[in-house]
Amino acid sequence: MKSRFTLHSLSNHNKTHTSPILSLRDENNNGSLKNTFPDKYTISSLFQWASKILQVHGIDSPSLDAEVLLSNLLSCKRIDLYIHPDQPVEETVAMRYKESIQRRSQRLPLQYITNHAEFMSLDFYVDERVLIPRPETELLVEAVIKRAQILTHEIVIVDIGVGSGNIAITLAKKIDKARIFAIDISPDALAVAKINAQRHHVLDKITFLCGNIFQPLEGFGIESKVNFIVSNPPYVSSSEFNNLQKEVRDFEPYTALISGQDGLQMFKRIIANANTWLKPGGFITFEVGEKQARKVARLFAETRCFKKADLLKDYQHISRIVIAQMEEGRG
């Protein structure tokens, strides 16, 4: 009887993963497994071919990526691949799998192939119009949620550089009283964000605006009323661009990555204009690049409008989140 497959979440990616479907002997013996596409389409034969192809092309986690792509096409859990290794696969699915593996072997990010990215246990649609959400950004969202808990009135949040909408949408779901303005200079990114807002049923809580930094907010009457300005802005310097991982450098949107010669241009522009919009006692929360946290904290200090900034470390103990609160007497 044909097995029933169920939808699953693409998560827990691990570079050290080894699948039982592909034996250690096959992984270590380059001559034991042909790189030709199999004649018979079963889960096991397709997986073994794919794992070898990805390994030959230097993909960090070939077995895991092969699993994720196959389970995604079969709409099944990864564990089902182990339970049903001899399950026949329809030719149309096998051909789509072949194409997916070829795209991954060219370093197209896994999330762009599956159109799925997980963020704070929520599933987001992503494609090459937006950056892929990163786990570190969850720390930014958690920091805002924590500070919003003490507020009892409507909470006005401005998200600058909305991308896939992962920050704005998660905040809309987690903060009942949130009113969110989500700004991006890219109409394409906003189109993706709206797909995700509709998927997560928060379109009524978010106003999507196309434009540059704060300019689209004019006319909404929220000057000096914003509780939180949040942003995961471009923070890669132009000199660092060529050193990025190939998946990032060649496929993720350039304008969402690069911020001038020093990588600080967007931080400077947001901080310089925040005074018009931020409520006294309100917060700016940034995600920053490696070795940027103290530089961004100094930018806040130089304004003399903010209390000493807090720095939060990510999972690799790198200062990744900068939080600054405006002095109560300013604005």
Protein backbone atom coordinates (compact mmCIF):
# COMPACT_ATOMS: atom_id res chain seq x y z
CA MET A 1 0.00 0.00 0.00
CA LYS A 2 1.32 3.43 -0.88
CA SER A 3 2.46 5.31 2.20
CA ARG A 4 0.83 8.55 3.21
CA PHE A 5 3.17 11.52 3.52
CA THR A 6 2.53 14.59 5.65
CA LEU A 7 3.73 18.17 5.54
CA HIS A 8 6.65 19.05 7.76
CA SER A 9 8.72 21.99 8.88
CA LEU A 10 12.18 22.48 7.36
CA SER A 11 14.29 22.93 10.46
CA ASN A 12 17.27 21.79 12.49
CA HIS A 13 19.76 22.03 9.65
CA ASN A 14 23.06 20.59 10.86
CA LYS A 15 26.30 20.49 8.93
CA THR A 16 27.52 17.36 10.75
CA HIS A 17 24.40 15.35 9.83
CA THR A 18 24.87 11.92 8.23
CA SER A 19 21.86 10.07 6.85
CA PRO A 20 21.33 6.34 7.36
CA ILE A 21 19.97 6.13 3.80
CA LEU A 22 23.46 6.76 2.45
CA SER A 23 25.95 4.49 4.17
CA LEU A 24 29.28 5.76 5.46
CA ARG A 25 31.02 3.41 3.03
CA ASP A 26 29.31 5.09 0.07
CA GLU A 27 30.02 8.59 1.38
CA ASN A 28 33.72 7.86 1.81
CA ASN A 29 34.27 5.86 -1.39
CA ASN A 30 34.18 8.19 -4.38
CA GLY A 31 34.17 5.31 -6.85
CA SER A 32 31.37 3.29 -5.29
CA LEU A 33 28.46 5.46 -6.40
CA LYS A 34 28.00 6.64 -9.98
CA ASN A 35 27.12 10.27 -10.57
CA THR A 36 24.56 9.35 -13.23
CA PHE A 37 20.86 9.83 -12.63
CA PRO A 38 19.23 6.53 -11.58
CA ASP A 39 17.11 4.50 -14.01
CA LYS A 40 14.66 3.42 -11.31
CA TYR A 41 13.12 6.18 -9.25
CA THR A 42 12.91 5.23 -5.59
CA ILE A 43 13.52 7.35 -2.51
CA SER A 44 16.80 5.53 -1.84
CA SER A 45 18.19 5.67 -5.39
CA LEU A 46 17.34 9.36 -5.84
CA PHE A 47 18.72 10.28 -2.44
CA GLN A 48 22.01 8.45 -2.98
CA TRP A 49 22.49 10.13 -6.36
CA ALA A 50 21.67 13.57 -4.95
CA SER A 51 23.91 13.24 -1.91
CA LYS A 52 26.86 12.30 -4.08
CA ILE A 53 26.27 15.16 -6.52
CA LEU A 54 26.07 17.71 -3.71
CA GLN A 55 29.14 16.24 -2.02
CA VAL A 56 31.16 16.47 -5.25
CA HIS A 57 30.12 20.13 -5.60
CA GLY A 58 31.36 20.98 -2.12
CA ILE A 59 28.01 21.55 -0.39
CA ASP A 60 28.60 21.60 3.37
CA SER A 61 25.73 19.27 4.28
CA PRO A 62 25.04 17.16 1.18
CA SER A 63 22.99 14.42 2.85
CA LEU A 64 20.85 16.85 4.80
CA ASP A 65 20.18 19.11 1.81
CA ALA A 66 19.29 16.08 -0.32
CA GLU A 67 16.84 14.97 2.37
CA VAL A 68 15.21 18.37 2.73
CA LEU A 69 14.73 18.82 -1.00
CA LEU A 70 13.28 15.34 -1.50
CA SER A 71 10.97 15.48 1.52
CA ASN A 72 9.79 18.91 0.39
CA LEU A 73 8.81 17.60 -3.05
CA LEU A 74 7.10 14.55 -1.52
CA SER A 75 5.38 16.69 1.13
CA CYS A 76 6.60 14.31 3.79
CA LYS A 77 8.64 14.32 6.96
CA ARG A 78 12.33 13.57 6.62
CA ILE A 79 11.92 10.51 8.83
CA ASP A 80 9.56 9.04 6.22
CA LEU A 81 12.48 8.83 3.81
CA TYR A 82 14.15 6.39 6.20
CA ILE A 83 11.02 4.38 6.85
CA HIS A 84 10.14 3.97 3.15
CA PRO A 85 13.49 3.90 1.26
CA ASP A 86 12.11 1.65 -1.52
CA GLN A 87 9.01 3.76 -2.09
CA PRO A 88 8.62 4.44 -5.86
CA VAL A 89 8.74 8.09 -6.90
CA GLU A 90 6.74 9.40 -9.85
CA GLU A 91 8.80 10.49 -12.85
CA THR A 92 7.53 14.08 -12.73
CA VAL A 93 8.69 14.35 -9.10
CA ALA A 94 12.03 12.72 -9.92
CA MET A 95 12.64 15.27 -12.68
CA ARG A 96 11.78 18.15 -10.37
CA TYR A 97 14.16 16.68 -7.80
CA LYS A 98 16.92 16.45 -10.38
CA GLU A 99 16.42 20.11 -11.22
CA SER A 100 16.42 21.09 -7.53
CA ILE A 101 19.69 19.24 -6.91
CA GLN A 102 21.30 20.88 -9.93
CA ARG A 103 20.25 24.30 -8.64
CA ARG A 104 21.60 23.53 -5.16
CA SER A 105 24.88 22.27 -6.63
CA GLN A 106 25.25 25.74 -8.17
CA ARG A 107 24.98 27.12 -4.59
CA LEU A 108 21.45 28.50 -4.85
CA PRO A 109 20.35 28.60 -1.19
CA LEU A 110 18.15 25.75 -0.05
CA GLN A 111 15.42 28.13 1.12
CA TYR A 112 15.08 29.70 -2.33
CA ILE A 113 14.57 26.25 -3.87
CA THR A 114 11.94 25.12 -1.36
CA ASN A 115 10.49 28.65 -0.89
CA HIS A 116 10.42 27.99 2.85
CA ALA A 117 12.31 29.59 5.75
CA GLU A 118 11.52 29.06 9.40
CA PHE A 119 11.64 32.01 11.81
CA MET A 120 10.55 31.73 15.44
CA SER A 121 8.60 28.55 14.59
CA LEU A 122 6.71 30.33 11.80
CA ASP A 123 6.97 29.34 8.15
CA PHE A 124 7.81 32.15 5.72
CA TYR A 125 7.70 32.16 1.95
CA VAL A 126 11.03 33.38 0.52
CA ASP A 127 12.54 33.77 -2.91
CA GLU A 128 15.41 35.75 -4.43
CA ARG A 129 13.60 39.05 -3.91
CA VAL A 130 14.35 38.97 -0.17
CA LEU A 131 17.03 38.01 2.31
CA ILE A 132 16.65 34.64 4.00
CA PRO A 133 15.68 35.11 7.69
CA ARG A 134 18.51 34.21 10.09
CA PRO A 135 18.24 32.74 13.60
CA GLU A 136 20.15 35.71 15.04
CA THR A 137 17.31 38.05 14.10
CA GLU A 138 15.05 36.18 16.52
CA LEU A 139 17.03 37.84 19.31
CA LEU A 140 15.96 41.26 18.01
CA VAL A 141 12.30 40.26 17.98
CA GLU A 142 12.53 38.74 21.46
CA ALA A 143 14.10 41.95 22.80
CA VAL A 144 11.23 44.05 21.46
CA ILE A 145 8.58 41.65 22.79
CA LYS A 146 10.16 41.76 26.24
CA ARG A 147 10.10 45.56 26.39
CA ALA A 148 6.61 45.79 24.93
CA GLN A 149 5.12 43.66 27.72
CA ILE A 150 5.11 46.56 30.19
CA LEU A 151 3.12 48.84 27.86
CA THR A 152 -0.65 48.91 28.22
CA HIS A 153 -1.70 51.11 25.28
CA GLU A 154 -1.39 50.79 21.52
CA ILE A 155 2.22 50.04 20.61
CA VAL A 156 3.48 51.75 17.45
CA ILE A 157 6.35 49.93 15.74
CA VAL A 158 8.29 50.96 12.65
CA ASP A 159 10.23 48.22 10.85
CA ILE A 160 12.78 49.62 8.40
CA GLY A 161 13.92 47.17 5.72
CA VAL A 162 11.04 44.74 6.00
CA GLY A 163 12.34 42.11 3.55
CA SER A 164 10.30 38.91 3.85
CA GLY A 165 8.34 40.51 6.68
CA ASN A 166 9.68 38.10 9.30
CA ILE A 167 10.26 40.82 11.92
CA ALA A 168 7.05 42.80 11.41
CA ILE A 169 4.84 39.74 11.07
CA THR A 170 6.23 37.97 14.11
CA LEU A 171 5.82 41.11 16.21
CA ALA A 172 2.25 41.49 14.92
CA LYS A 173 1.46 37.94 16.02
CA LYS A 174 3.19 38.17 19.40
CA ILE A 175 2.10 41.68 20.49
CA ASP A 176 -1.67 42.07 20.67
CA LYS A 177 -1.73 45.87 20.75
CA ALA A 178 0.84 46.37 17.97
CA ARG A 179 0.31 48.80 15.11
CA ILE A 180 3.15 48.26 12.68
CA PHE A 181 4.50 50.32 9.78
CA ALA A 182 6.72 48.13 7.59
CA ILE A 183 8.98 50.06 5.19
CA ASP A 184 11.16 48.83 2.35
CA ILE A 185 12.70 50.55 -0.65
CA SER A 186 12.02 47.46 -2.78
CA PRO A 187 8.50 46.90 -4.15
CA ASP A 188 9.50 43.29 -4.82
CA ALA A 189 10.37 42.72 -1.16
CA LEU A 190 7.07 44.26 -0.06
CA ALA A 191 5.20 41.90 -2.39
CA VAL A 192 6.80 38.92 -0.61
CA ALA A 193 6.12 40.44 2.82
CA LYS A 194 2.44 40.86 1.96
CA ILE A 195 2.23 37.20 0.95
CA ASN A 196 3.57 36.25 4.36
CA ALA A 197 1.33 38.71 6.24
CA GLN A 198 -1.70 37.20 4.55
CA ARG A 199 -0.46 33.68 5.29
CA HIS A 200 -0.18 34.54 8.99
CA HIS A 201 -3.41 36.57 9.16
CA VAL A 202 -1.89 39.90 10.27
CA LEU A 203 -2.53 42.10 7.23
CA ASP A 204 -4.89 44.25 9.31
CA LYS A 205 -2.13 45.08 11.83
CA ILE A 206 0.59 46.09 9.35
CA THR A 207 0.81 49.07 6.99
CA PHE A 208 3.28 48.27 4.21
CA LEU A 209 5.02 51.32 2.74
CA CYS A 210 7.48 51.64 -0.13
CA GLY A 211 10.18 54.26 0.22
CA ASN A 212 13.43 55.31 1.81
CA ILE A 213 13.79 55.04 5.60
CA PHE A 214 11.24 57.36 7.33
CA GLN A 215 9.99 59.28 4.28
CA PRO A 216 6.89 57.06 3.71
CA LEU A 217 5.67 57.78 7.28
CA GLU A 218 4.84 61.40 6.48
CA GLY A 219 1.12 62.02 6.69
CA PHE A 220 0.28 59.25 9.17
CA GLY A 221 0.44 61.55 12.18
CA ILE A 222 2.82 59.41 14.21
CA GLU A 223 5.58 61.98 14.79
CA SER A 224 6.93 61.52 18.34
CA LYS A 225 4.52 58.58 18.84
CA VAL A 226 6.63 55.59 17.82
CA ASN A 227 7.45 53.17 20.65
CA PHE A 228 9.91 50.99 18.73
CA ILE A 229 12.02 51.47 15.64
CA VAL A 230 13.38 48.08 14.61
CA SER A 231 15.71 47.27 11.77
CA ASN A 232 17.92 44.56 10.39
CA PRO A 233 19.42 46.94 7.82
CA PRO A 234 22.14 46.34 5.24
CA TYR A 235 25.38 46.28 7.23
CA VAL A 236 28.02 44.68 4.98
CA SER A 237 30.75 47.07 3.81
CA SER A 238 31.45 47.25 0.09
CA SER A 239 34.98 45.96 0.75
CA GLU A 240 33.63 42.85 2.50
CA PHE A 241 31.19 41.88 -0.24
CA ASN A 242 33.53 39.66 -2.26
CA ASN A 243 34.40 37.66 0.86
CA LEU A 244 30.81 36.64 1.56
CA GLN A 245 29.69 33.04 1.23
CA LYS A 246 28.85 32.27 -2.40
CA GLU A 247 25.21 31.51 -1.54
CA VAL A 248 24.88 35.01 -0.08
CA ARG A 249 27.06 36.96 -2.53
CA ASP A 250 25.63 35.51 -5.73
CA PHE A 251 21.96 35.07 -4.89
CA GLU A 252 20.69 37.27 -2.04
CA PRO A 253 19.66 40.85 -2.99
CA TYR A 254 22.67 43.19 -3.11
CA THR A 255 20.81 46.26 -1.89
CA ALA A 256 19.70 44.40 1.24
CA LEU A 257 23.32 43.57 2.10
CA ILE A 258 25.60 46.53 1.36
CA SER A 259 25.75 49.77 3.34
CA GLY A 260 28.57 52.00 2.16
CA GLN A 261 32.30 51.78 2.65
CA ASP A 262 32.13 51.04 6.39
CA GLY A 263 28.84 49.13 6.59
CA LEU A 264 27.41 51.78 8.95
CA GLN A 265 25.62 54.08 6.50
CA MET A 266 22.09 52.85 7.26
CA PHE A 267 22.61 52.97 11.03
CA LYS A 268 23.80 56.57 10.78
CA ARG A 269 20.82 57.62 8.68
CA ILE A 270 18.23 55.96 10.91
CA ILE A 271 19.73 57.35 14.13
CA ALA A 272 20.07 60.86 12.67
CA ASN A 273 16.36 61.03 11.80
CA ALA A 274 14.84 58.98 14.61
CA ASN A 275 14.27 62.04 16.83
CA THR A 276 11.31 63.15 14.70
CA TRP A 277 9.43 59.88 15.10
CA LEU A 278 10.48 58.19 18.32
CA LYS A 279 8.46 58.80 21.46
CA PRO A 280 10.47 59.92 24.53
CA GLY A 281 11.38 56.69 26.30
CA GLY A 282 11.01 54.76 23.04
CA PHE A 283 13.55 52.27 21.70
CA ILE A 284 15.65 51.67 18.61
CA THR A 285 16.68 48.04 18.16
CA PHE A 286 19.21 47.05 15.51
CA GLU A 287 20.77 43.84 14.31
CA VAL A 288 24.41 44.60 13.50
CA GLY A 289 27.34 42.90 11.84
CA GLU A 290 30.29 41.31 13.56
CA LYS A 291 32.54 43.93 15.22
CA GLN A 292 29.94 46.68 14.63
CA ALA A 293 28.09 46.70 17.96
CA ARG A 294 30.35 49.11 19.82
CA LYS A 295 30.60 51.41 16.81
CA VAL A 296 26.78 51.60 16.58
CA ALA A 297 26.57 52.16 20.35
CA ARG A 298 28.93 55.13 19.94
CA LEU A 299 26.67 56.56 17.23
CA PHE A 300 23.84 56.61 19.77
CA ALA A 301 26.06 58.16 22.45
CA GLU A 302 27.14 60.96 20.11
CA THR A 303 23.54 62.16 19.71
CA ARG A 304 23.20 62.77 23.49
CA CYS A 305 19.53 61.79 23.08
CA PHE A 306 19.81 58.17 24.19
CA LYS A 307 20.66 56.25 27.32
CA LYS A 308 23.66 53.93 27.18
CA ALA A 309 22.96 51.23 24.61
CA ASP A 310 22.58 47.57 25.58
CA LEU A 311 24.41 44.92 23.57
CA LEU A 312 23.07 41.38 23.23
CA LYS A 313 25.22 38.45 22.10
CA ASP A 314 24.10 35.87 19.55
CA TYR A 315 24.51 32.08 19.70
CA GLN A 316 28.19 32.40 18.76
CA HIS A 317 28.79 34.95 21.55
CA ILE A 318 29.09 37.82 19.06
CA SER A 319 27.47 41.13 20.03
CA ARG A 320 24.66 41.11 17.48
CA ILE A 321 21.78 43.26 18.83
CA VAL A 322 22.05 46.92 19.89
CA ILE A 323 19.18 48.43 21.88
CA ALA A 324 19.05 52.14 22.75
CA GLN A 325 16.32 53.96 24.64
CA MET A 326 15.61 57.64 24.05
CA GLU A 327 15.88 59.84 27.12
CA GLU A 328 12.47 60.63 28.59
CA GLY A 329 13.04 64.38 28.27
CA ARG A 330 13.90 64.28 24.56
CA GLY A 331 11.81 64.13 21.42
